[in-house]
Amino acid sequence: MQGALRAPQPTPMPVWVKAEISEMTVNRSGHCYLDLIETEHGTDTVIARCRATIWSYTFRMLKPYFETTSGQAFTEGLKVLLQAKVEYHEVYGFSLNIRDIDPVYTLGDMARQRREIIRRLEEDGVFEMNKELELPLVPQRIAIISSPTAAGLQDFVDQLHNNPHKFIFYTKLFPAVMQGNEAPGSITKALEQIFEYEEMFDAVAIIRGGGAQIDLACFDNYELAFNVAQFPLPVITGIGHDKDDTVIDMVAHTRMKTPTAVAEFLITGALQFSQQLNELEKHFTELVNDQLEENKNRLNDAADQLSLLVNQLIVKQSNRLEIARIQLKNRSEAFLRNQFSDLKQISAIAKNQTHRYVTRQNHLLEQSGNKLNFAFRQQVLKNKSLLLQFQNLIKFRSIETIKTEKKNLNSIQEKLRLVDPQNILKRGYSLTMLNGMILKSVHSVKEGDLLETRLSDGKVESMVKKIYNKQ
């Protein structure tokens, strides 16, 4: 930890100390407790550490002053220049009591870290990767990374879906934290979720509403910028600030100022493409009409020439047809005489061969009939034997089943006899009834009610004089 301290003895005068805030806690009283460290240059190795305290009355002034001046939240991970008084306690040991803070030093360190992130991205060869992707002519399927409660999200969605040109856009929100230390990891996780459905989207929009410059430090993160730069879909940012670009803005394919500007960018791109299509349609229609007119003239000329040629061809073919008709008439008579003679010979041969074929087929048919008759008789005898066996088997099993069911019926009759109410009464039990209903509880009667008690050999009527409840 760099500073003016060399001796272990406490120093009465305040000293300026450069350190990194490793841990930070604010208790209910408003006191801020810090763990300050110094790391070896270029590594994360801690070479010095000490405790520090900012009392509540000082912290209430220093924190707003630092955050307003630097645009950065006063939190863990910052490198700061602090004015502190060295204190020593016999129990708690050496510590610093912070009196003042210089935000200019932190601004310089943040700028240095920002330049370092950009340099690393350029050395890794990824700084321009997302810009080199080709944005579709009309990106309509948009994956949105934003906080569900972000001020600009609803404006972005409304402007996109209710555009005056009636262009259709498909949007899907992937929620993420958009400020604070959790933002880089949350946005990276949302990018990973989009990557799983990469083919379903044309581009990614990272948007948030307006806010203080202090909320934008999370976008100057190397890991987040590295993921955005290498993402396989074009990334459009609308983080809601007009001043310096964040590192995410620098590596993204397209940087817009606000969420509504991103929506306007998408709508304008669709409108330009629509206008180009209209112009192409108009130009194409004109070309087609010109071509149709030209072809119409050519067709008329060709039709006139064709008509003349057809007439000439018809006359020539008519002459040839007449000559051929005369020649065909002379040759047809000789041809028919020759064909009639050949037909008589073929008829005689066919008649002889047909008779022999029919005789042979009748003989084969008779043999097949005999074989089929014999096989049918054999199958009938076999089926008759099986039928007798089945009849005997069914008869035997029917007798056994009747015996079994008879035993079961006798058993059921015996059980019914045992539970017959008349038999139960014969064993000394009785039934008490009130108004024709069996009495089951003393709560169903009252004094003066007329009860009927049924026994095995008759019934008794009685009146209730007193009721005893079971305790």
Protein backbone atom coordinates (compact mmCIF):
# COMPACT_ATOMS: atom_id res chain seq x y z
CA MET A 1 0.00 0.00 0.00
CA GLN A 2 1.65 3.16 -1.22
CA GLY A 3 1.86 6.11 1.15
CA ALA A 4 4.05 8.12 3.44
CA LEU A 5 4.13 5.50 6.21
CA ARG A 6 7.46 3.97 7.07
CA ALA A 7 7.52 3.68 10.86
CA PRO A 8 5.19 1.43 12.87
CA GLN A 9 4.31 4.35 15.21
CA PRO A 10 0.99 6.15 14.61
CA THR A 11 1.32 9.44 12.73
CA PRO A 12 -0.51 12.43 14.19
CA MET A 13 -0.87 14.23 10.83
CA PRO A 14 -3.14 12.93 8.00
CA VAL A 15 -1.38 11.18 5.10
CA TRP A 16 -2.46 10.35 1.53
CA VAL A 17 -2.66 6.63 0.78
CA LYS A 18 -3.19 4.83 -2.56
CA ALA A 19 -5.01 1.52 -2.22
CA GLU A 20 -7.67 -0.80 -3.64
CA ILE A 21 -10.93 -1.39 -1.79
CA SER A 22 -11.07 -5.15 -1.23
CA GLU A 23 -14.11 -5.32 1.09
CA MET A 24 -16.62 -2.72 2.19
CA THR A 25 -19.37 -2.80 4.85
CA VAL A 26 -21.79 -0.08 5.98
CA ASN A 27 -23.51 -0.80 9.29
CA ARG A 28 -26.89 0.45 10.51
CA SER A 29 -25.29 3.48 12.14
CA GLY A 30 -23.91 4.63 8.80
CA HIS A 31 -20.25 3.90 9.60
CA CYS A 32 -18.27 2.46 6.66
CA TYR A 33 -15.62 -0.21 7.29
CA LEU A 34 -13.08 -0.93 4.55
CA ASP A 35 -10.46 -3.57 3.89
CA LEU A 36 -7.70 -1.88 1.84
CA ILE A 37 -5.08 -3.85 -0.11
CA GLU A 38 -2.14 -3.28 -2.42
CA THR A 39 -1.39 -5.86 -5.14
CA GLU A 40 1.80 -6.59 -6.99
CA HIS A 41 1.88 -4.78 -10.33
CA GLY A 42 0.45 -6.89 -13.12
CA THR A 43 -0.78 -9.66 -10.78
CA ASP A 44 -3.47 -10.25 -8.16
CA THR A 45 -0.95 -11.06 -5.43
CA VAL A 46 -1.70 -9.04 -2.25
CA ILE A 47 1.46 -7.51 -0.80
CA ALA A 48 -0.14 -5.23 1.83
CA ARG A 49 -3.45 -5.02 3.72
CA CYS A 50 -5.00 -2.86 6.42
CA ARG A 51 -8.34 -1.90 7.92
CA ALA A 52 -9.91 1.54 7.47
CA THR A 53 -12.93 3.37 8.84
CA ILE A 54 -15.05 6.25 7.57
CA TRP A 55 -17.27 7.53 10.33
CA SER A 56 -20.90 8.13 9.38
CA TYR A 57 -20.79 11.97 9.44
CA THR A 58 -17.80 11.88 7.05
CA PHE A 59 -19.18 9.05 4.90
CA ARG A 60 -22.43 10.94 4.30
CA MET A 61 -20.41 13.73 2.63
CA LEU A 62 -17.60 11.76 0.95
CA LYS A 63 -19.75 9.14 -0.84
CA PRO A 64 -22.04 11.58 -2.78
CA TYR A 65 -19.04 13.84 -3.54
CA PHE A 66 -17.01 10.93 -4.95
CA GLU A 67 -19.88 9.42 -6.98
CA THR A 68 -21.02 12.77 -8.42
CA THR A 69 -17.48 13.77 -9.43
CA SER A 70 -16.26 10.42 -10.76
CA GLY A 71 -19.55 9.03 -12.11
CA GLN A 72 -18.59 5.77 -10.40
CA ALA A 73 -20.25 4.03 -7.45
CA PHE A 74 -18.14 3.97 -4.31
CA THR A 75 -17.80 0.22 -3.93
CA GLU A 76 -15.41 -2.71 -3.80
CA GLY A 77 -12.78 -3.11 -6.51
CA LEU A 78 -11.97 0.61 -6.89
CA LYS A 79 -8.48 2.02 -6.70
CA VAL A 80 -8.64 5.20 -4.61
CA LEU A 81 -6.48 7.96 -3.20
CA LEU A 82 -7.48 8.53 0.41
CA GLN A 83 -6.46 11.08 3.06
CA ALA A 84 -6.35 9.25 6.38
CA LYS A 85 -5.11 9.57 9.90
CA VAL A 86 -3.16 6.60 11.20
CA GLU A 87 -4.54 5.16 14.43
CA TYR A 88 -3.49 2.35 16.72
CA HIS A 89 -5.69 0.48 19.21
CA GLU A 90 -4.32 -1.97 21.74
CA VAL A 91 -7.06 -4.51 20.93
CA TYR A 92 -7.86 -3.84 17.25
CA GLY A 93 -4.34 -2.84 16.22
CA PHE A 94 -3.32 -0.60 13.29
CA SER A 95 -6.04 1.09 11.19
CA LEU A 96 -6.76 4.19 9.11
CA ASN A 97 -9.38 6.82 9.85
CA ILE A 98 -10.30 8.25 6.42
CA ARG A 99 -10.93 11.99 6.28
CA ASP A 100 -11.00 12.78 2.52
CA ILE A 101 -10.89 11.15 -0.92
CA ASP A 102 -9.59 12.35 -4.32
CA PRO A 103 -11.98 11.22 -7.13
CA VAL A 104 -9.60 12.50 -9.83
CA TYR A 105 -7.18 9.67 -9.06
CA THR A 106 -9.97 7.09 -9.45
CA LEU A 107 -11.07 8.69 -12.73
CA GLY A 108 -7.54 8.34 -14.05
CA ASP A 109 -7.36 4.72 -12.96
CA MET A 110 -10.76 3.98 -14.54
CA ALA A 111 -9.62 5.54 -17.79
CA ARG A 112 -6.46 3.47 -17.62
CA GLN A 113 -8.47 0.30 -17.02
CA ARG A 114 -10.75 1.21 -19.91
CA ARG A 115 -7.74 1.67 -22.24
CA GLU A 116 -6.32 -1.61 -20.97
CA ILE A 117 -9.59 -3.45 -21.77
CA ILE A 118 -9.66 -2.01 -25.30
CA ARG A 119 -5.99 -2.94 -25.82
CA ARG A 120 -6.59 -6.52 -24.66
CA LEU A 121 -9.60 -6.88 -26.96
CA GLU A 122 -7.55 -5.60 -29.90
CA GLU A 123 -4.64 -7.92 -29.08
CA ASP A 124 -7.06 -10.85 -28.80
CA GLY A 125 -8.29 -10.00 -32.29
CA VAL A 126 -11.95 -9.74 -31.29
CA PHE A 127 -12.53 -5.97 -31.14
CA GLU A 128 -14.03 -5.74 -34.66
CA MET A 129 -15.53 -9.26 -34.88
CA ASN A 130 -19.16 -8.33 -34.21
CA LYS A 131 -18.95 -5.32 -36.55
CA GLU A 132 -17.83 -7.66 -39.34
CA LEU A 133 -21.05 -9.67 -39.14
CA GLU A 134 -23.60 -9.00 -41.86
CA LEU A 135 -26.80 -7.48 -40.50
CA PRO A 136 -29.87 -8.93 -42.29
CA LEU A 137 -31.56 -6.54 -44.71
CA VAL A 138 -34.66 -6.55 -42.50
CA PRO A 139 -33.89 -7.83 -38.98
CA GLN A 140 -37.33 -8.71 -37.58
CA ARG A 141 -36.58 -11.39 -34.94
CA ILE A 142 -34.99 -9.46 -32.06
CA ALA A 143 -33.63 -10.94 -28.81
CA ILE A 144 -33.80 -8.24 -26.12
CA ILE A 145 -31.44 -8.09 -23.13
CA SER A 146 -32.81 -5.66 -20.55
CA SER A 147 -34.21 -5.38 -17.07
CA PRO A 148 -37.98 -6.14 -17.07
CA THR A 149 -38.46 -2.88 -15.13
CA ALA A 150 -36.14 -0.74 -17.29
CA ALA A 151 -37.68 2.63 -18.16
CA GLY A 152 -36.89 2.32 -21.88
CA LEU A 153 -37.99 -1.29 -22.41
CA GLN A 154 -41.73 -0.61 -22.74
CA ASP A 155 -41.05 2.39 -25.01
CA PHE A 156 -38.85 0.21 -27.20
CA VAL A 157 -41.43 -2.58 -27.48
CA ASP A 158 -44.36 -0.18 -28.06
CA GLN A 159 -42.51 1.78 -30.75
CA LEU A 160 -41.40 -1.42 -32.49
CA HIS A 161 -44.76 -3.22 -32.51
CA ASN A 162 -46.96 -0.15 -33.09
CA ASN A 163 -44.92 1.40 -35.89
CA PRO A 164 -46.95 3.48 -38.40
CA HIS A 165 -45.85 1.29 -41.35
CA LYS A 166 -47.38 -1.89 -39.82
CA PHE A 167 -44.09 -3.78 -40.10
CA ILE A 168 -44.09 -7.03 -38.12
CA PHE A 169 -41.34 -7.61 -35.53
CA TYR A 170 -40.92 -10.60 -33.22
CA THR A 171 -39.28 -9.88 -29.84
CA LYS A 172 -38.23 -12.06 -26.91
CA LEU A 173 -37.00 -10.62 -23.60
CA PHE A 174 -34.04 -12.25 -21.83
CA PRO A 175 -34.05 -10.53 -18.40
CA ALA A 176 -30.76 -9.29 -16.95
CA VAL A 177 -29.44 -6.94 -14.30
CA MET A 178 -28.40 -3.72 -16.09
CA GLN A 179 -26.33 -1.93 -13.44
CA GLY A 180 -24.01 -2.72 -10.56
CA ASN A 181 -21.47 -5.48 -10.02
CA GLU A 182 -23.93 -8.24 -10.98
CA ALA A 183 -24.65 -6.74 -14.42
CA PRO A 184 -21.71 -8.20 -16.45
CA GLY A 185 -22.38 -11.76 -15.30
CA SER A 186 -26.14 -11.40 -15.72
CA ILE A 187 -25.85 -9.99 -19.27
CA THR A 188 -23.33 -12.71 -20.19
CA LYS A 189 -25.77 -15.37 -18.93
CA ALA A 190 -28.53 -13.85 -21.10
CA LEU A 191 -26.20 -13.99 -24.13
CA GLU A 192 -25.55 -17.67 -23.41
CA GLN A 193 -29.30 -18.34 -23.33
CA ILE A 194 -29.75 -16.56 -26.68
CA PHE A 195 -26.85 -18.56 -28.14
CA GLU A 196 -28.80 -21.78 -27.51
CA TYR A 197 -31.56 -20.48 -29.85
CA GLU A 198 -29.26 -18.57 -32.23
CA GLU A 199 -31.10 -19.68 -35.39
CA MET A 200 -34.36 -18.16 -34.10
CA PHE A 201 -33.07 -14.54 -34.04
CA ASP A 202 -31.66 -11.99 -36.50
CA ALA A 203 -30.00 -9.66 -33.96
CA VAL A 204 -29.59 -8.88 -30.24
CA ALA A 205 -30.61 -5.56 -28.67
CA ILE A 206 -28.96 -4.61 -25.34
CA ILE A 207 -31.05 -1.74 -23.94
CA ARG A 208 -31.68 0.14 -20.72
CA GLY A 209 -33.43 3.39 -19.84
CA GLY A 210 -31.74 6.61 -19.01
CA GLY A 211 -29.72 6.88 -15.82
CA ALA A 212 -26.75 8.45 -14.13
CA GLN A 213 -23.26 8.04 -15.52
CA ILE A 214 -22.48 6.18 -12.31
CA ASP A 215 -24.66 3.27 -13.47
CA LEU A 216 -22.69 2.67 -16.69
CA ALA A 217 -19.38 1.43 -15.27
CA CYS A 218 -20.60 -2.17 -15.47
CA PHE A 219 -20.49 -1.95 -19.28
CA ASP A 220 -16.70 -1.34 -19.19
CA ASN A 221 -15.98 -4.97 -18.38
CA TYR A 222 -13.50 -7.11 -20.29
CA GLU A 223 -15.34 -10.46 -19.98
CA LEU A 224 -18.66 -8.94 -21.04
CA ALA A 225 -17.06 -7.06 -23.95
CA PHE A 226 -15.24 -10.23 -25.01
CA ASN A 227 -18.55 -12.14 -25.16
CA VAL A 228 -20.35 -9.37 -27.05
CA ALA A 229 -17.50 -8.99 -29.58
CA GLN A 230 -17.49 -12.71 -30.37
CA PHE A 231 -21.27 -13.21 -30.36
CA PRO A 232 -22.43 -14.86 -33.62
CA LEU A 233 -25.41 -12.47 -34.02
CA PRO A 234 -25.13 -8.70 -34.64
CA VAL A 235 -25.45 -6.80 -31.35
CA ILE A 236 -27.18 -3.38 -31.24
CA THR A 237 -26.78 -1.28 -28.08
CA GLY A 238 -29.12 1.41 -26.76
CA ILE A 239 -27.91 2.03 -23.24
CA GLY A 240 -29.47 5.47 -22.88
CA HIS A 241 -26.58 7.93 -22.66
CA ASP A 242 -25.25 10.60 -25.03
CA LYS A 243 -21.73 11.08 -23.71
CA ASP A 244 -18.79 8.67 -23.94
CA ASP A 245 -19.32 5.26 -25.47
CA THR A 246 -18.87 2.30 -23.14
CA VAL A 247 -16.61 -0.56 -24.20
CA ILE A 248 -19.75 -2.56 -25.01
CA ASP A 249 -20.83 0.19 -27.42
CA MET A 250 -17.41 0.09 -29.07
CA VAL A 251 -17.39 -3.67 -29.78
CA ALA A 252 -21.08 -3.95 -30.72
CA HIS A 253 -22.16 -4.10 -34.35
CA THR A 254 -24.24 -0.91 -34.07
CA ARG A 255 -24.37 1.69 -31.30
CA MET A 256 -27.51 3.81 -30.80
CA LYS A 257 -28.05 6.38 -28.04
CA THR A 258 -31.36 5.20 -26.58
CA PRO A 259 -33.77 2.21 -26.72
CA THR A 260 -36.17 4.26 -28.86
CA ALA A 261 -33.29 5.05 -31.23
CA VAL A 262 -32.69 1.30 -31.59
CA ALA A 263 -36.38 0.78 -32.42
CA GLU A 264 -36.25 3.64 -34.95
CA PHE A 265 -33.10 2.13 -36.49
CA LEU A 266 -34.88 -1.21 -37.02
CA ILE A 267 -38.05 0.43 -38.36
CA THR A 268 -36.07 2.71 -40.70
CA GLY A 269 -34.15 -0.28 -42.06
CA ALA A 270 -37.42 -2.09 -42.77
CA LEU A 271 -38.87 1.06 -44.38
CA GLN A 272 -35.84 1.52 -46.67
CA PHE A 273 -36.06 -2.11 -47.74
CA SER A 274 -39.81 -1.72 -48.36
CA GLN A 275 -39.19 1.38 -50.49
CA GLN A 276 -36.50 -0.46 -52.45
CA LEU A 277 -38.95 -3.31 -53.04
CA ASN A 278 -41.59 -0.86 -54.27
CA GLU A 279 -39.11 0.76 -56.64
CA LEU A 280 -37.98 -2.66 -57.90
CA GLU A 281 -41.61 -3.69 -58.34
CA LYS A 282 -42.36 -0.53 -60.32
CA HIS A 283 -39.25 -0.96 -62.48
CA PHE A 284 -39.99 -4.64 -63.02
CA THR A 285 -43.58 -3.85 -64.04
CA GLU A 286 -42.36 -1.31 -66.58
CA LEU A 287 -39.86 -3.80 -68.01
CA VAL A 288 -42.52 -6.51 -68.24
CA ASN A 289 -44.98 -4.18 -69.99
CA ASP A 290 -42.31 -3.09 -72.49
CA GLN A 291 -41.35 -6.69 -73.13
CA LEU A 292 -44.99 -7.72 -73.55
CA GLU A 293 -45.59 -4.95 -76.10
CA GLU A 294 -42.46 -5.87 -78.05
CA ASN A 295 -43.37 -9.58 -78.01
CA LYS A 296 -46.93 -8.73 -79.06
CA ASN A 297 -45.65 -6.97 -82.19
CA ARG A 298 -43.28 -9.83 -82.95
CA LEU A 299 -46.14 -12.30 -82.46
CA ASN A 300 -48.37 -10.44 -84.90
CA ASP A 301 -45.62 -10.46 -87.54
CA ALA A 302 -44.96 -14.14 -86.92
CA ALA A 303 -48.70 -14.90 -87.16
CA ASP A 304 -48.93 -13.25 -90.59
CA GLN A 305 -45.93 -15.18 -91.86
CA LEU A 306 -47.23 -18.40 -90.34
CA SER A 307 -50.63 -18.01 -92.01
CA LEU A 308 -49.01 -17.69 -95.44
CA LEU A 309 -46.74 -20.67 -94.86
CA VAL A 310 -49.63 -22.78 -93.56
CA ASN A 311 -51.75 -22.09 -96.64
CA GLN A 312 -48.89 -23.08 -98.93
CA LEU A 313 -48.27 -26.24 -96.87
CA ILE A 314 -51.98 -27.18 -96.95
CA VAL A 315 -52.06 -27.01 -100.77
CA LYS A 316 -48.89 -29.04 -101.09
CA GLN A 317 -50.06 -31.68 -98.60
CA SER A 318 -53.48 -31.90 -100.29
CA ASN A 319 -51.83 -32.82 -103.59
CA ARG A 320 -49.68 -35.47 -101.91
CA LEU A 321 -52.72 -36.84 -100.07
CA GLU A 322 -54.68 -37.30 -103.29
CA ILE A 323 -51.81 -39.21 -104.92
CA ALA A 324 -51.45 -41.39 -101.84
CA ARG A 325 -55.21 -42.10 -101.77
CA ILE A 326 -55.13 -43.46 -105.34
CA GLN A 327 -52.07 -45.60 -104.61
CA LEU A 328 -53.62 -46.92 -101.39
CA LYS A 329 -56.84 -47.94 -103.11
CA ASN A 330 -54.97 -50.02 -105.70
CA ARG A 331 -52.75 -51.70 -103.12
CA SER A 332 -55.52 -52.34 -100.57
CA GLU A 333 -57.46 -54.73 -102.78
CA ALA A 334 -54.41 -57.02 -103.35
CA PHE A 335 -53.49 -56.82 -99.66
CA LEU A 336 -56.97 -57.85 -98.49
CA ARG A 337 -57.00 -60.91 -100.74
CA ASN A 338 -53.65 -62.10 -99.34
CA GLN A 339 -54.72 -61.49 -95.75
CA PHE A 340 -58.01 -63.43 -96.20
CA SER A 341 -56.12 -66.54 -97.37
CA ASP A 342 -53.69 -66.35 -94.42
CA LEU A 343 -56.59 -65.94 -92.00
CA LYS A 344 -58.23 -69.21 -93.12
CA GLN A 345 -55.02 -71.15 -92.48
CA ILE A 346 -54.55 -69.61 -89.03
CA SER A 347 -58.19 -70.37 -88.10
CA ALA A 348 -57.81 -74.08 -88.91
CA ILE A 349 -54.61 -74.37 -86.85
CA ALA A 350 -56.14 -72.53 -83.88
CA LYS A 351 -59.25 -74.75 -83.90
CA ASN A 352 -57.15 -77.95 -83.75
CA GLN A 353 -54.87 -76.66 -80.93
CA THR A 354 -57.84 -75.37 -78.87
CA HIS A 355 -59.57 -78.80 -78.92
CA ARG A 356 -56.42 -80.56 -77.65
CA TYR A 357 -55.91 -77.94 -74.89
CA VAL A 358 -59.51 -78.22 -73.65
CA THR A 359 -59.28 -82.03 -73.48
CA ARG A 360 -56.08 -81.86 -71.42
CA GLN A 361 -57.48 -79.27 -68.99
CA ASN A 362 -60.63 -81.36 -68.38
CA HIS A 363 -58.46 -84.35 -67.42
CA LEU A 364 -56.36 -82.23 -65.01
CA LEU A 365 -59.52 -80.73 -63.49
CA GLU A 366 -60.95 -84.21 -62.79
CA GLN A 367 -57.73 -85.30 -61.03
CA SER A 368 -57.72 -82.12 -58.87
CA GLY A 369 -61.37 -82.74 -57.91
CA ASN A 370 -60.63 -86.25 -56.68
CA LYS A 371 -57.70 -85.04 -54.57
CA LEU A 372 -59.76 -82.22 -53.09
CA ASN A 373 -62.65 -84.57 -52.21
CA PHE A 374 -60.31 -86.98 -50.39
CA ALA A 375 -58.62 -84.16 -48.43
CA PHE A 376 -62.01 -82.72 -47.46
CA ARG A 377 -63.18 -86.08 -46.05
CA GLN A 378 -59.98 -86.49 -44.05
CA GLN A 379 -60.38 -82.99 -42.55
CA VAL A 380 -64.04 -83.67 -41.64
CA LEU A 381 -63.09 -86.89 -39.79
CA LYS A 382 -60.30 -85.09 -37.93
CA ASN A 383 -62.55 -82.18 -36.89
CA LYS A 384 -65.28 -84.59 -35.76
CA SER A 385 -62.81 -86.36 -33.43
CA LEU A 386 -61.65 -83.03 -31.97
CA LEU A 387 -65.28 -81.95 -31.46
CA LEU A 388 -66.02 -85.10 -29.41
CA GLN A 389 -62.95 -84.44 -27.25
CA PHE A 390 -64.06 -80.83 -26.61
CA GLN A 391 -67.59 -81.98 -25.71
CA ASN A 392 -66.26 -84.44 -23.12
CA LEU A 393 -63.89 -81.84 -21.71
CA ILE A 394 -66.65 -79.20 -21.44
CA LYS A 395 -68.98 -81.72 -19.77
CA PHE A 396 -66.33 -82.68 -17.19
CA ARG A 397 -65.39 -79.07 -16.39
CA SER A 398 -69.04 -78.01 -16.16
CA ILE A 399 -69.69 -80.68 -13.52
CA GLU A 400 -66.62 -79.59 -11.53
CA THR A 401 -67.63 -75.92 -11.76
CA ILE A 402 -71.19 -76.68 -10.57
CA LYS A 403 -69.83 -78.61 -7.58
CA THR A 404 -67.50 -75.76 -6.66
CA GLU A 405 -70.20 -73.10 -6.97
CA LYS A 406 -72.61 -75.24 -4.92
CA LYS A 407 -70.05 -75.36 -2.09
CA ASN A 408 -69.60 -71.59 -2.31
CA LEU A 409 -73.39 -71.09 -2.22
CA ASN A 410 -73.74 -73.28 0.88
CA SER A 411 -70.97 -71.30 2.56
CA ILE A 412 -72.70 -68.01 1.74
CA GLN A 413 -76.05 -69.34 3.05
CA GLU A 414 -74.41 -70.33 6.32
CA LYS A 415 -72.89 -66.82 6.67
CA LEU A 416 -76.28 -65.26 5.96
CA ARG A 417 -77.89 -67.49 8.59
CA LEU A 418 -75.33 -66.37 11.18
CA VAL A 419 -75.98 -62.68 10.53
CA ASP A 420 -79.77 -63.05 10.34
CA PRO A 421 -81.23 -60.48 12.81
CA GLN A 422 -83.68 -63.10 14.18
CA ASN A 423 -80.82 -65.45 15.08
CA ILE A 424 -78.92 -62.57 16.68
CA LEU A 425 -81.96 -61.82 18.85
CA LYS A 426 -82.13 -65.48 19.90
CA ARG A 427 -78.61 -65.19 21.30
CA GLY A 428 -79.80 -62.65 23.85
CA TYR A 429 -79.47 -59.38 21.96
CA SER A 430 -82.29 -56.84 21.48
CA LEU A 431 -83.12 -53.87 19.20
CA THR A 432 -84.35 -50.57 20.59
CA MET A 433 -86.32 -48.43 18.15
CA LEU A 434 -87.72 -44.89 18.21
CA ASN A 435 -90.46 -43.97 15.73
CA GLY A 436 -89.64 -47.08 13.65
CA MET A 437 -85.90 -46.24 13.48
CA ILE A 438 -83.12 -48.13 15.27
CA LEU A 439 -81.82 -46.07 18.21
CA LYS A 440 -78.01 -45.61 18.02
CA SER A 441 -77.28 -42.75 20.49
CA VAL A 442 -78.70 -41.33 23.70
CA HIS A 443 -78.56 -37.93 22.03
CA SER A 444 -81.42 -39.02 19.74
CA VAL A 445 -83.99 -39.37 22.61
CA LYS A 446 -85.43 -37.19 25.29
CA GLU A 447 -87.35 -37.81 28.43
CA GLY A 448 -90.93 -38.90 27.79
CA ASP A 449 -90.19 -40.57 24.41
CA LEU A 450 -91.92 -43.92 23.80
CA LEU A 451 -89.40 -46.67 22.89
CA GLU A 452 -90.00 -50.12 21.33
CA THR A 453 -87.61 -52.98 22.30
CA ARG A 454 -87.67 -56.06 20.05
CA LEU A 455 -86.67 -59.49 21.43
CA SER A 456 -86.55 -62.91 19.77
CA ASP A 457 -90.01 -63.87 21.07
CA GLY A 458 -91.80 -60.50 21.00
CA LYS A 459 -91.46 -56.75 21.73
CA VAL A 460 -91.71 -54.42 24.76
CA GLU A 461 -92.79 -50.78 24.85
CA SER A 462 -91.32 -48.41 27.45
CA MET A 463 -91.12 -44.71 28.26
CA VAL A 464 -87.87 -42.78 28.88
CA LYS A 465 -87.75 -41.36 32.40
CA LYS A 466 -84.10 -40.40 32.69
CA ILE A 467 -81.11 -40.27 30.31
CA TYR A 468 -77.53 -41.01 31.39
CA ASN A 469 -74.74 -39.78 29.12
CA LYS A 470 -71.47 -41.77 28.94
CA GLN A 471 -68.76 -39.79 30.77
